[in-house]
Amino acid sequence: MMKNYRSHALAAISSSVLLLSGCSHMPFGHHEDNRYKTAKPGASLEIPPDLTKPATDNRFSVPDANSDSTRSAYEINDRASQKEAAEDNTPAGAKLSTENNNITLTAGTDRAWRLVGLALDRAGFTVDDRNREKGIYFVSCVDPKAKSEDTGMLSKLEFWKDKAPPKPQKYRILVNPQGSGSVVTILDKDGFTEHTETSSKILKLIFNQLK
């Protein structure tokens, strides 16, 4: 029995010694690491340019109002046609008829269309719309009678009255084929031939630019 007790005691002591020797190799203790004091500084970090400056993209940029990108292909072609008409010095053979209230041209319909568009632009008209297939320019014009009445002496004296300016009337400038040439007439907003003082003045302004 004594022999067994000694055996157990020796086994226990051996186990304790092994445990103590193993603990000395475990990182339980705090050891100050002073290696950073002698370390050399490393290279500074560089931030990639694409992280600080985003790539530019002009897909959403607003185009210039006068650039071709803001105009339809039809308008660009129409402007090009007017430019060709301006550079063409061939006489258009324009004749103004006060009796029929129209303008006849020896030029064909295509060239007459370009010439009339150029004449409207030179005369200062604002073209609201155009339909090349039907040969119609849509313009607005103030009746000269309404304008003259509004600028009378009494109207000037009655400055306290809030009077609306004359409302522009809608007109259509029609360019139609006639024989080997063309004819220009003025239509009202309903599409009927106009025979008024205003339409006569519009035709005269166009004719002066076609001569």
N, C-alpha and C. Protein backbone atom coordinates (compact mmCIF):
# COMPACT_ATOMS: atom_id res chain seq x y z
N MET A 1 0.82 -1.21 0.00
CA MET A 1 0.00 0.00 0.00
C MET A 1 0.85 1.24 0.00
N MET A 2 1.88 1.24 0.76
CA MET A 2 2.82 2.36 0.82
C MET A 2 3.48 2.54 -0.53
N LYS A 3 3.73 1.40 -1.21
CA LYS A 3 4.38 1.46 -2.52
C LYS A 3 3.46 2.15 -3.53
N ASN A 4 2.17 1.86 -3.47
CA ASN A 4 1.21 2.50 -4.39
C ASN A 4 1.09 3.98 -4.12
N TYR A 5 1.19 4.36 -2.87
CA TYR A 5 1.08 5.78 -2.50
C TYR A 5 2.24 6.54 -3.06
N ARG A 6 3.42 5.94 -2.97
CA ARG A 6 4.61 6.62 -3.51
C ARG A 6 4.51 6.75 -5.04
N SER A 7 3.99 5.71 -5.65
CA SER A 7 3.84 5.76 -7.11
C SER A 7 2.92 6.89 -7.54
N HIS A 8 1.84 7.03 -6.79
CA HIS A 8 0.88 8.11 -7.11
C HIS A 8 1.47 9.47 -6.87
N ALA A 9 2.26 9.57 -5.82
CA ALA A 9 2.88 10.86 -5.47
C ALA A 9 3.89 11.25 -6.53
N LEU A 10 4.67 10.30 -6.98
CA LEU A 10 5.66 10.60 -8.02
C LEU A 10 4.98 11.01 -9.33
N ALA A 11 3.89 10.33 -9.62
CA ALA A 11 3.15 10.67 -10.85
C ALA A 11 2.59 12.07 -10.78
N ALA A 12 2.10 12.45 -9.60
CA ALA A 12 1.53 13.79 -9.43
C ALA A 12 2.59 14.85 -9.55
N ILE A 13 3.76 14.60 -8.95
CA ILE A 13 4.87 15.57 -9.03
C ILE A 13 5.33 15.73 -10.47
N SER A 14 5.42 14.61 -11.18
CA SER A 14 5.86 14.67 -12.58
C SER A 14 4.90 15.49 -13.43
N SER A 15 3.61 15.29 -13.17
CA SER A 15 2.59 16.05 -13.93
C SER A 15 2.69 17.53 -13.66
N SER A 16 2.93 17.88 -12.39
CA SER A 16 3.04 19.30 -12.02
C SER A 16 4.23 19.95 -12.69
N VAL A 17 5.34 19.21 -12.73
CA VAL A 17 6.56 19.76 -13.37
C VAL A 17 6.32 20.01 -14.86
N LEU A 18 5.66 19.07 -15.50
CA LEU A 18 5.38 19.24 -16.93
C LEU A 18 4.47 20.42 -17.21
N LEU A 19 3.47 20.57 -16.33
CA LEU A 19 2.55 21.70 -16.51
C LEU A 19 3.23 23.03 -16.34
N LEU A 20 4.10 23.11 -15.32
CA LEU A 20 4.81 24.37 -15.06
C LEU A 20 5.77 24.71 -16.18
N SER A 21 6.44 23.69 -16.70
CA SER A 21 7.38 23.95 -17.80
C SER A 21 6.65 24.37 -19.07
N GLY A 22 5.43 23.85 -19.27
CA GLY A 22 4.65 24.23 -20.47
C GLY A 22 4.09 25.64 -20.36
N CYS A 23 3.72 26.04 -19.14
CA CYS A 23 3.15 27.37 -18.95
C CYS A 23 4.14 28.47 -19.26
N SER A 24 5.41 28.14 -19.08
CA SER A 24 6.43 29.18 -19.33
C SER A 24 6.51 29.54 -20.80
N HIS A 25 5.99 28.66 -21.67
CA HIS A 25 6.01 28.95 -23.11
C HIS A 25 4.71 29.55 -23.61
N MET A 26 3.70 29.71 -22.75
CA MET A 26 2.42 30.28 -23.17
C MET A 26 2.49 31.79 -23.11
N PRO A 27 1.77 32.55 -24.07
CA PRO A 27 1.85 34.02 -24.11
C PRO A 27 0.91 34.67 -23.12
N PHE A 28 0.99 34.22 -21.82
CA PHE A 28 0.14 34.86 -20.83
C PHE A 28 0.77 36.10 -20.27
N GLY A 29 2.04 36.09 -20.22
CA GLY A 29 2.73 37.23 -19.65
C GLY A 29 2.79 38.39 -20.61
N HIS A 30 2.86 39.62 -20.14
CA HIS A 30 2.92 40.82 -20.97
C HIS A 30 4.37 41.22 -21.15
N HIS A 31 4.81 41.18 -22.41
CA HIS A 31 6.18 41.59 -22.71
C HIS A 31 6.12 42.80 -23.62
N GLU A 32 6.67 43.87 -23.25
CA GLU A 32 6.65 45.11 -24.03
C GLU A 32 7.53 44.95 -25.26
N ASP A 33 6.98 45.30 -26.42
CA ASP A 33 7.71 45.19 -27.67
C ASP A 33 8.20 46.58 -28.08
N ASN A 34 9.49 46.77 -28.00
CA ASN A 34 10.07 48.08 -28.31
C ASN A 34 10.66 48.16 -29.71
N ARG A 35 10.33 47.19 -30.55
CA ARG A 35 10.93 47.19 -31.88
C ARG A 35 10.47 48.37 -32.73
N TYR A 36 9.28 48.93 -32.43
CA TYR A 36 8.78 50.04 -33.23
C TYR A 36 9.65 51.28 -33.11
N LYS A 37 10.41 51.35 -31.95
CA LYS A 37 11.24 52.53 -31.73
C LYS A 37 12.41 52.59 -32.71
N THR A 38 12.85 51.45 -33.15
CA THR A 38 14.01 51.42 -34.05
C THR A 38 13.61 51.15 -35.50
N ALA A 39 12.29 50.98 -35.73
CA ALA A 39 11.83 50.69 -37.09
C ALA A 39 11.94 51.93 -37.97
N LYS A 40 12.26 51.74 -39.25
CA LYS A 40 12.36 52.84 -40.21
C LYS A 40 10.98 53.14 -40.78
N PRO A 41 10.69 54.43 -41.02
CA PRO A 41 9.37 54.78 -41.57
C PRO A 41 9.18 54.20 -42.97
N GLY A 42 8.00 53.67 -43.21
CA GLY A 42 7.70 53.11 -44.53
C GLY A 42 7.19 54.18 -45.49
N ALA A 43 6.98 53.77 -46.73
CA ALA A 43 6.48 54.70 -47.75
C ALA A 43 5.04 55.11 -47.43
N SER A 44 4.72 56.40 -47.68
CA SER A 44 3.38 56.90 -47.40
C SER A 44 2.38 56.28 -48.38
N LEU A 45 1.15 56.12 -47.90
CA LEU A 45 0.10 55.52 -48.73
C LEU A 45 -0.37 56.53 -49.77
N GLU A 46 -0.60 56.07 -50.96
CA GLU A 46 -1.10 56.92 -52.04
C GLU A 46 -2.52 56.48 -52.41
N ILE A 47 -3.42 57.49 -52.48
CA ILE A 47 -4.81 57.20 -52.85
C ILE A 47 -4.93 57.25 -54.37
N PRO A 48 -5.45 56.21 -54.98
CA PRO A 48 -5.61 56.21 -56.44
C PRO A 48 -6.43 57.41 -56.91
N PRO A 49 -6.07 58.03 -58.04
CA PRO A 49 -6.78 59.23 -58.51
C PRO A 49 -8.26 59.00 -58.76
N ASP A 50 -8.64 57.79 -59.20
CA ASP A 50 -10.04 57.56 -59.51
C ASP A 50 -10.93 57.52 -58.28
N LEU A 51 -10.28 57.44 -57.07
CA LEU A 51 -11.08 57.46 -55.84
C LEU A 51 -11.34 58.88 -55.38
N THR A 52 -10.49 59.81 -55.72
CA THR A 52 -10.66 61.20 -55.30
C THR A 52 -11.28 62.06 -56.38
N LYS A 53 -11.12 61.69 -57.65
CA LYS A 53 -11.66 62.46 -58.77
C LYS A 53 -12.45 61.52 -59.67
N PRO A 54 -13.78 61.57 -59.59
CA PRO A 54 -14.58 60.65 -60.40
C PRO A 54 -14.40 60.92 -61.89
N ALA A 55 -14.54 59.88 -62.64
CA ALA A 55 -14.39 60.00 -64.09
C ALA A 55 -15.52 60.86 -64.66
N THR A 56 -15.19 61.74 -65.59
CA THR A 56 -16.18 62.62 -66.20
C THR A 56 -16.92 61.88 -67.30
N ASP A 57 -18.19 62.25 -67.43
CA ASP A 57 -19.04 61.63 -68.44
C ASP A 57 -19.96 62.71 -69.00
N ASN A 58 -19.90 62.98 -70.29
CA ASN A 58 -20.69 64.05 -70.88
C ASN A 58 -22.04 63.57 -71.41
N ARG A 59 -22.47 62.40 -70.98
CA ARG A 59 -23.76 61.90 -71.46
C ARG A 59 -24.91 62.76 -70.98
N PHE A 60 -24.75 63.39 -69.80
CA PHE A 60 -25.84 64.16 -69.22
C PHE A 60 -25.57 65.66 -69.28
N SER A 61 -24.59 66.09 -70.04
CA SER A 61 -24.29 67.52 -70.15
C SER A 61 -25.37 68.20 -70.97
N VAL A 62 -25.67 69.47 -70.64
CA VAL A 62 -26.70 70.23 -71.33
C VAL A 62 -26.09 70.84 -72.59
N PRO A 63 -26.61 70.53 -73.75
CA PRO A 63 -26.02 71.08 -74.98
C PRO A 63 -26.35 72.54 -75.16
N ASP A 64 -25.58 73.23 -75.98
CA ASP A 64 -25.81 74.62 -76.30
C ASP A 64 -27.11 74.74 -77.07
N ALA A 65 -27.88 75.78 -76.74
CA ALA A 65 -29.18 75.96 -77.39
C ALA A 65 -29.05 76.19 -78.88
N ASN A 66 -27.91 76.70 -79.30
CA ASN A 66 -27.71 76.97 -80.72
C ASN A 66 -27.03 75.83 -81.46
N SER A 67 -26.72 74.78 -80.76
CA SER A 67 -26.02 73.67 -81.41
C SER A 67 -27.02 72.78 -82.13
N ASP A 68 -26.51 71.96 -83.07
CA ASP A 68 -27.38 71.08 -83.85
C ASP A 68 -27.99 69.98 -83.00
N SER A 69 -27.38 69.70 -81.84
CA SER A 69 -27.89 68.61 -81.01
C SER A 69 -29.24 68.95 -80.40
N THR A 70 -29.64 70.26 -80.37
CA THR A 70 -30.92 70.65 -79.80
C THR A 70 -32.00 70.79 -80.86
N ARG A 71 -31.66 70.53 -82.11
CA ARG A 71 -32.61 70.67 -83.20
C ARG A 71 -32.92 69.30 -83.81
N SER A 72 -34.10 69.22 -84.40
CA SER A 72 -34.47 67.99 -85.08
C SER A 72 -33.73 67.90 -86.41
N ALA A 73 -33.66 66.70 -86.94
CA ALA A 73 -32.99 66.50 -88.23
C ALA A 73 -33.70 67.28 -89.32
N TYR A 74 -35.02 67.38 -89.22
CA TYR A 74 -35.78 68.13 -90.23
C TYR A 74 -35.40 69.60 -90.19
N GLU A 75 -35.31 70.18 -88.99
CA GLU A 75 -34.97 71.60 -88.87
C GLU A 75 -33.56 71.87 -89.36
N ILE A 76 -32.64 70.95 -89.07
CA ILE A 76 -31.26 71.12 -89.54
C ILE A 76 -31.22 71.12 -91.06
N ASN A 77 -31.95 70.17 -91.68
CA ASN A 77 -31.98 70.10 -93.14
C ASN A 77 -32.64 71.34 -93.74
N ASP A 78 -33.69 71.84 -93.04
CA ASP A 78 -34.39 73.02 -93.55
C ASP A 78 -33.49 74.25 -93.50
N ARG A 79 -32.71 74.38 -92.42
CA ARG A 79 -31.77 75.49 -92.32
C ARG A 79 -30.70 75.39 -93.40
N ALA A 80 -30.26 74.18 -93.66
CA ALA A 80 -29.27 73.98 -94.71
C ALA A 80 -29.84 74.37 -96.07
N SER A 81 -31.13 74.05 -96.29
CA SER A 81 -31.77 74.41 -97.55
C SER A 81 -31.87 75.92 -97.71
N GLN A 82 -32.19 76.62 -96.60
CA GLN A 82 -32.27 78.07 -96.64
C GLN A 82 -30.90 78.68 -96.92
N LYS A 83 -29.87 78.07 -96.39
CA LYS A 83 -28.51 78.56 -96.64
C LYS A 83 -28.17 78.42 -98.13
N GLU A 84 -28.57 77.29 -98.71
CA GLU A 84 -28.33 77.09 -100.14
C GLU A 84 -29.09 78.12 -100.96
N ALA A 85 -30.32 78.44 -100.52
CA ALA A 85 -31.12 79.43 -101.24
C ALA A 85 -30.49 80.81 -101.15
N ALA A 86 -29.89 81.13 -100.00
CA ALA A 86 -29.25 82.42 -99.82
C ALA A 86 -28.03 82.57 -100.71
N GLU A 87 -27.36 81.45 -100.97
CA GLU A 87 -26.15 81.48 -101.80
C GLU A 87 -26.47 81.38 -103.30
N ASP A 88 -27.73 81.06 -103.61
CA ASP A 88 -28.14 80.94 -105.01
C ASP A 88 -28.61 82.31 -105.51
N ASN A 89 -27.92 82.89 -106.46
CA ASN A 89 -28.25 84.22 -106.98
C ASN A 89 -29.15 84.17 -108.21
N THR A 90 -29.65 82.99 -108.54
CA THR A 90 -30.54 82.88 -109.69
C THR A 90 -31.84 83.62 -109.42
N PRO A 91 -32.30 84.48 -110.32
CA PRO A 91 -33.56 85.21 -110.09
C PRO A 91 -34.72 84.26 -109.85
N ALA A 92 -35.54 84.58 -108.85
CA ALA A 92 -36.68 83.72 -108.53
C ALA A 92 -37.87 84.02 -109.42
N GLY A 93 -37.83 85.15 -110.14
CA GLY A 93 -38.94 85.51 -111.01
C GLY A 93 -40.21 85.78 -110.23
N ALA A 94 -40.08 86.49 -109.09
CA ALA A 94 -41.23 86.75 -108.22
C ALA A 94 -42.06 87.91 -108.75
N LYS A 95 -43.39 87.73 -108.73
CA LYS A 95 -44.33 88.79 -109.13
C LYS A 95 -45.46 88.86 -108.10
N LEU A 96 -45.72 90.08 -107.64
CA LEU A 96 -46.77 90.30 -106.65
C LEU A 96 -48.06 90.71 -107.36
N SER A 97 -49.13 90.00 -107.06
CA SER A 97 -50.44 90.31 -107.64
C SER A 97 -51.36 90.80 -106.54
N THR A 98 -51.71 92.10 -106.58
CA THR A 98 -52.63 92.65 -105.57
C THR A 98 -54.06 92.20 -105.85
N GLU A 99 -54.34 91.89 -107.11
CA GLU A 99 -55.69 91.46 -107.47
C GLU A 99 -55.97 90.06 -106.92
N ASN A 100 -55.02 89.15 -107.12
CA ASN A 100 -55.19 87.78 -106.63
C ASN A 100 -54.65 87.59 -105.22
N ASN A 101 -53.98 88.63 -104.73
CA ASN A 101 -53.38 88.59 -103.39
C ASN A 101 -52.46 87.37 -103.24
N ASN A 102 -51.48 87.26 -104.16
CA ASN A 102 -50.52 86.16 -104.11
C ASN A 102 -49.21 86.58 -104.76
N ILE A 103 -48.24 85.71 -104.67
CA ILE A 103 -46.94 85.91 -105.30
C ILE A 103 -46.68 84.71 -106.19
N THR A 104 -46.36 84.95 -107.44
CA THR A 104 -45.99 83.85 -108.34
C THR A 104 -44.48 83.87 -108.55
N LEU A 105 -43.90 82.68 -108.66
CA LEU A 105 -42.47 82.54 -108.87
C LEU A 105 -42.22 81.58 -110.03
N THR A 106 -41.16 81.85 -110.78
CA THR A 106 -40.78 80.92 -111.85
C THR A 106 -40.02 79.73 -111.28
N ALA A 107 -39.55 79.85 -110.04
CA ALA A 107 -38.80 78.77 -109.39
C ALA A 107 -39.74 77.62 -109.06
N GLY A 108 -39.19 76.40 -109.08
CA GLY A 108 -39.95 75.22 -108.70
C GLY A 108 -40.32 75.24 -107.23
N THR A 109 -41.16 74.28 -106.83
CA THR A 109 -41.68 74.28 -105.46
C THR A 109 -40.58 74.12 -104.42
N ASP A 110 -39.63 73.24 -104.66
CA ASP A 110 -38.56 73.02 -103.67
C ASP A 110 -37.76 74.29 -103.43
N ARG A 111 -37.36 74.94 -104.53
CA ARG A 111 -36.57 76.17 -104.37
C ARG A 111 -37.44 77.30 -103.83
N ALA A 112 -38.70 77.37 -104.25
CA ALA A 112 -39.61 78.40 -103.74
C ALA A 112 -39.81 78.25 -102.24
N TRP A 113 -39.91 77.01 -101.77
CA TRP A 113 -40.06 76.76 -100.33
C TRP A 113 -38.87 77.31 -99.57
N ARG A 114 -37.69 77.07 -100.08
CA ARG A 114 -36.48 77.55 -99.42
C ARG A 114 -36.41 79.08 -99.46
N LEU A 115 -36.77 79.66 -100.59
CA LEU A 115 -36.72 81.12 -100.74
C LEU A 115 -37.72 81.83 -99.83
N VAL A 116 -38.92 81.28 -99.72
CA VAL A 116 -39.94 81.87 -98.85
C VAL A 116 -39.51 81.78 -97.39
N GLY A 117 -38.95 80.64 -96.99
CA GLY A 117 -38.46 80.52 -95.62
C GLY A 117 -37.37 81.52 -95.31
N LEU A 118 -36.49 81.74 -96.27
CA LEU A 118 -35.43 82.73 -96.11
C LEU A 118 -36.00 84.14 -96.06
N ALA A 119 -37.01 84.41 -96.89
CA ALA A 119 -37.65 85.73 -96.90
C ALA A 119 -38.35 86.02 -95.57
N LEU A 120 -39.01 85.03 -95.01
CA LEU A 120 -39.67 85.20 -93.71
C LEU A 120 -38.65 85.53 -92.63
N ASP A 121 -37.53 84.84 -92.68
CA ASP A 121 -36.48 85.07 -91.69
C ASP A 121 -35.90 86.48 -91.84
N ARG A 122 -35.66 86.90 -93.06
CA ARG A 122 -35.09 88.23 -93.31
C ARG A 122 -36.08 89.34 -92.96
N ALA A 123 -37.37 89.08 -93.16
CA ALA A 123 -38.39 90.09 -92.87
C ALA A 123 -38.70 90.19 -91.39
N GLY A 124 -38.14 89.30 -90.59
CA GLY A 124 -38.32 89.36 -89.14
C GLY A 124 -39.50 88.58 -88.61
N PHE A 125 -40.08 87.72 -89.42
CA PHE A 125 -41.20 86.90 -88.95
C PHE A 125 -40.69 85.79 -88.04
N THR A 126 -41.51 85.45 -87.05
CA THR A 126 -41.23 84.29 -86.21
C THR A 126 -42.09 83.13 -86.71
N VAL A 127 -41.45 82.13 -87.22
CA VAL A 127 -42.18 80.96 -87.73
C VAL A 127 -42.47 80.02 -86.56
N ASP A 128 -43.75 79.85 -86.25
CA ASP A 128 -44.14 78.98 -85.13
C ASP A 128 -43.96 77.51 -85.48
N ASP A 129 -44.23 77.16 -86.71
CA ASP A 129 -44.11 75.76 -87.14
C ASP A 129 -44.06 75.74 -88.67
N ARG A 130 -43.77 74.57 -89.22
CA ARG A 130 -43.73 74.43 -90.67
C ARG A 130 -44.06 72.99 -91.04
N ASN A 131 -44.64 72.82 -92.21
CA ASN A 131 -44.98 71.49 -92.73
C ASN A 131 -44.51 71.43 -94.18
N ARG A 132 -43.34 70.84 -94.38
CA ARG A 132 -42.76 70.81 -95.72
C ARG A 132 -43.59 69.97 -96.67
N GLU A 133 -44.19 68.91 -96.19
CA GLU A 133 -44.97 68.03 -97.06
C GLU A 133 -46.16 68.77 -97.67
N LYS A 134 -46.81 69.64 -96.85
CA LYS A 134 -47.95 70.41 -97.34
C LYS A 134 -47.55 71.80 -97.84
N GLY A 135 -46.29 72.16 -97.64
CA GLY A 135 -45.80 73.45 -98.11
C GLY A 135 -46.34 74.63 -97.33
N ILE A 136 -46.45 74.48 -95.99
CA ILE A 136 -47.06 75.53 -95.17
C ILE A 136 -46.08 76.01 -94.10
N TYR A 137 -45.96 77.33 -93.98
CA TYR A 137 -45.27 77.97 -92.86
C TYR A 137 -46.35 78.56 -91.94
N PHE A 138 -46.24 78.30 -90.64
CA PHE A 138 -47.19 78.84 -89.67
C PHE A 138 -46.55 80.04 -88.98
N VAL A 139 -47.17 81.22 -89.11
CA VAL A 139 -46.62 82.44 -88.53
C VAL A 139 -47.69 83.16 -87.72
N SER A 140 -47.25 84.07 -86.86
CA SER A 140 -48.15 84.92 -86.07
C SER A 140 -47.90 86.37 -86.46
N CYS A 141 -48.97 87.16 -86.55
CA CYS A 141 -48.83 88.56 -86.95
C CYS A 141 -49.92 89.38 -86.28
N VAL A 142 -49.56 90.59 -85.82
CA VAL A 142 -50.53 91.50 -85.21
C VAL A 142 -51.17 92.33 -86.31
N ASP A 143 -52.50 92.45 -86.25
CA ASP A 143 -53.23 93.25 -87.23
C ASP A 143 -52.76 94.71 -87.14
N PRO A 144 -52.30 95.31 -88.24
CA PRO A 144 -51.80 96.69 -88.19
C PRO A 144 -52.84 97.69 -87.72
N LYS A 145 -54.14 97.44 -88.00
CA LYS A 145 -55.18 98.35 -87.54
C LYS A 145 -55.26 98.36 -86.02
N ALA A 146 -55.24 97.16 -85.43
CA ALA A 146 -55.30 97.06 -83.97
C ALA A 146 -54.09 97.71 -83.34
N LYS A 147 -52.95 97.59 -83.99
CA LYS A 147 -51.72 98.17 -83.46
C LYS A 147 -51.75 99.68 -83.53
N SER A 148 -52.27 100.24 -84.65
CA SER A 148 -52.32 101.69 -84.80
C SER A 148 -53.33 102.31 -83.85
N GLU A 149 -54.46 101.63 -83.64
CA GLU A 149 -55.46 102.13 -82.71
C GLU A 149 -54.93 102.15 -81.29
N ASP A 150 -54.12 101.17 -80.96
CA ASP A 150 -53.59 101.08 -79.61
C ASP A 150 -52.56 102.17 -79.33
N THR A 151 -51.94 102.71 -80.37
CA THR A 151 -50.91 103.74 -80.18
C THR A 151 -51.46 105.14 -80.40
N GLY A 152 -52.79 105.30 -80.39
CA GLY A 152 -53.39 106.62 -80.56
C GLY A 152 -53.12 107.53 -79.38
N MET A 153 -53.48 108.83 -79.55
CA MET A 153 -53.23 109.82 -78.50
C MET A 153 -53.99 109.50 -77.22
N LEU A 154 -55.26 109.12 -77.35
CA LEU A 154 -56.06 108.82 -76.16
C LEU A 154 -55.48 107.64 -75.41
N SER A 155 -55.00 106.63 -76.15
CA SER A 155 -54.42 105.46 -75.52
C SER A 155 -53.16 105.82 -74.74
N LYS A 156 -52.39 106.77 -75.27
CA LYS A 156 -51.17 107.19 -74.58
C LYS A 156 -51.50 107.95 -73.30
N LEU A 157 -52.60 108.74 -73.31
CA LEU A 157 -52.97 109.51 -72.13
C LEU A 157 -53.55 108.62 -71.03
N GLU A 158 -54.25 107.57 -71.43
CA GLU A 158 -54.87 106.68 -70.45
C GLU A 158 -53.87 105.63 -69.98
N PHE A 159 -52.80 106.13 -69.37
CA PHE A 159 -51.73 105.23 -68.93
C PHE A 159 -52.12 104.40 -67.72
N TRP A 160 -53.17 104.85 -66.99
CA TRP A 160 -53.55 104.13 -65.78
C TRP A 160 -54.35 102.86 -66.09
N LYS A 161 -54.82 102.74 -67.29
CA LYS A 161 -55.62 101.58 -67.65
C LYS A 161 -54.72 100.40 -68.00
N ASP A 162 -55.09 99.26 -67.45
CA ASP A 162 -54.34 98.03 -67.71
C ASP A 162 -54.92 97.36 -68.95
N LYS A 163 -54.46 97.80 -70.12
CA LYS A 163 -54.99 97.29 -71.38
C LYS A 163 -54.05 96.27 -71.99
N ALA A 164 -54.59 95.12 -72.34
CA ALA A 164 -53.76 94.07 -72.92
C ALA A 164 -53.36 94.45 -74.34
N PRO A 165 -52.15 94.10 -74.76
CA PRO A 165 -51.70 94.40 -76.13
C PRO A 165 -52.50 93.59 -77.14
N PRO A 166 -52.53 94.03 -78.39
CA PRO A 166 -53.27 93.29 -79.43
C PRO A 166 -52.79 91.85 -79.52
N LYS A 167 -53.75 90.95 -79.66
CA LYS A 167 -53.41 89.54 -79.72
C LYS A 167 -52.96 89.17 -81.14
N PRO A 168 -51.82 88.50 -81.27
CA PRO A 168 -51.35 88.11 -82.61
C PRO A 168 -52.32 87.14 -83.28
N GLN A 169 -52.49 87.31 -84.57
CA GLN A 169 -53.34 86.42 -85.36
C GLN A 169 -52.48 85.35 -86.03
N LYS A 170 -53.05 84.19 -86.18
CA LYS A 170 -52.33 83.07 -86.79
C LYS A 170 -52.58 83.06 -88.31
N TYR A 171 -51.50 82.93 -89.05
CA TYR A 171 -51.60 82.85 -90.51
C TYR A 171 -50.75 81.69 -91.02
N ARG A 172 -51.09 81.26 -92.22
CA ARG A 172 -50.34 80.18 -92.86
C ARG A 172 -49.85 80.66 -94.23
N ILE A 173 -48.57 80.52 -94.45
CA ILE A 173 -47.98 80.88 -95.74
C ILE A 173 -47.90 79.61 -96.57
N LEU A 174 -48.69 79.55 -97.63
CA LEU A 174 -48.78 78.34 -98.44
C LEU A 174 -47.94 78.49 -99.71
N VAL A 175 -47.06 77.52 -99.95
CA VAL A 175 -46.24 77.48 -101.16
C VAL A 175 -46.72 76.28 -101.98
N ASN A 176 -47.36 76.56 -103.12
CA ASN A 176 -47.95 75.51 -103.94
C ASN A 176 -47.35 75.51 -105.35
N PRO A 177 -47.31 74.35 -105.99
CA PRO A 177 -46.85 74.33 -107.39
C PRO A 177 -47.89 74.95 -108.31
N GLN A 178 -47.42 75.64 -109.34
CA GLN A 178 -48.32 76.22 -110.34
C GLN A 178 -47.61 76.16 -111.69
N GLY A 179 -48.00 75.21 -112.51
CA GLY A 179 -47.30 74.99 -113.77
C GLY A 179 -45.88 74.53 -113.50
N SER A 180 -44.93 75.20 -114.15
CA SER A 180 -43.51 74.89 -113.90
C SER A 180 -42.94 75.72 -112.76
N GLY A 181 -43.76 76.63 -112.22
CA GLY A 181 -43.31 77.50 -111.13
C GLY A 181 -44.07 77.23 -109.84
N SER A 182 -44.25 78.31 -109.06
CA SER A 182 -44.90 78.18 -107.75
C SER A 182 -45.74 79.42 -107.48
N VAL A 183 -46.63 79.28 -106.51
CA VAL A 183 -47.46 80.41 -106.09
C VAL A 183 -47.51 80.43 -104.57
N VAL A 184 -47.43 81.65 -104.01
CA VAL A 184 -47.45 81.83 -102.55
C VAL A 184 -48.73 82.58 -102.18
N THR A 185 -49.51 82.00 -101.28
CA THR A 185 -50.75 82.63 -100.82
C THR A 185 -50.80 82.62 -99.30
N ILE A 186 -51.69 83.45 -98.75
CA ILE A 186 -51.87 83.54 -97.30
C ILE A 186 -53.19 82.90 -96.93
N LEU A 187 -53.16 82.00 -95.96
CA LEU A 187 -54.36 81.34 -95.45
C LEU A 187 -54.63 81.79 -94.03
N ASP A 188 -55.92 81.81 -93.66
CA ASP A 188 -56.24 82.12 -92.27
C ASP A 188 -56.07 80.88 -91.41
N LYS A 189 -56.40 80.99 -90.13
CA LYS A 189 -56.18 79.88 -89.19
C LYS A 189 -57.03 78.65 -89.53
N ASP A 190 -58.11 78.87 -90.31
CA ASP A 190 -58.99 77.76 -90.69
C ASP A 190 -58.62 77.16 -92.04
N GLY A 191 -57.58 77.72 -92.69
CA GLY A 191 -57.12 77.16 -93.95
C GLY A 191 -57.73 77.76 -95.19
N PHE A 192 -58.46 78.89 -95.05
CA PHE A 192 -59.07 79.55 -96.20
C PHE A 192 -58.19 80.71 -96.66
N THR A 193 -58.25 81.00 -97.97
CA THR A 193 -57.44 82.09 -98.52
C THR A 193 -57.82 83.41 -97.86
N GLU A 194 -56.83 84.15 -97.44
CA GLU A 194 -57.03 85.41 -96.72
C GLU A 194 -56.92 86.59 -97.69
N HIS A 195 -57.90 87.49 -97.61
CA HIS A 195 -57.89 88.71 -98.43
C HIS A 195 -58.12 89.90 -97.50
N THR A 196 -57.16 90.17 -96.67
CA THR A 196 -57.24 91.29 -95.73
C THR A 196 -56.03 92.18 -95.89
N GLU A 197 -56.09 93.34 -95.23
CA GLU A 197 -54.96 94.26 -95.27
C GLU A 197 -53.71 93.62 -94.69
N THR A 198 -53.90 92.85 -93.61
CA THR A 198 -52.75 92.19 -92.97
C THR A 198 -52.10 91.19 -93.90
N SER A 199 -52.91 90.37 -94.57
CA SER A 199 -52.33 89.37 -95.48
C SER A 199 -51.62 90.05 -96.65
N SER A 200 -52.16 91.18 -97.12
CA SER A 200 -51.50 91.92 -98.20
C SER A 200 -50.15 92.46 -97.76
N LYS A 201 -50.09 92.94 -96.52
CA LYS A 201 -48.82 93.45 -95.99
C LYS A 201 -47.80 92.33 -95.83
N ILE A 202 -48.28 91.16 -95.38
CA ILE A 202 -47.37 90.00 -95.23
C ILE A 202 -46.79 89.61 -96.58
N LEU A 203 -47.65 89.56 -97.61
CA LEU A 203 -47.18 89.21 -98.95
C LEU A 203 -46.18 90.24 -99.47
N LYS A 204 -46.44 91.50 -99.20
CA LYS A 204 -45.53 92.55 -99.67
C LYS A 204 -44.17 92.44 -99.00
N LEU A 205 -44.17 92.12 -97.70
CA LEU A 205 -42.90 91.95 -96.98
C LEU A 205 -42.12 90.76 -97.54
N ILE A 206 -42.83 89.68 -97.83
CA ILE A 206 -42.17 88.50 -98.41
C ILE A 206 -41.64 88.83 -99.80
N PHE A 207 -42.47 89.53 -100.59
CA PHE A 207 -42.07 89.87 -101.97
C PHE A 207 -40.82 90.75 -101.99
N ASN A 208 -40.74 91.69 -101.05
CA ASN A 208 -39.57 92.58 -101.01
C ASN A 208 -38.27 91.81 -100.76
N GLN A 209 -38.38 90.66 -100.09
CA GLN A 209 -37.19 89.85 -99.82
C GLN A 209 -36.91 88.85 -100.94
N LEU A 210 -37.87 88.68 -101.84
CA LEU A 210 -37.70 87.74 -102.96
C LEU A 210 -37.17 88.42 -104.21
N LYS A 211 -37.22 89.75 -104.25
CA LYS A 211 -36.80 90.49 -105.45
C LYS A 211 -35.30 90.37 -105.67
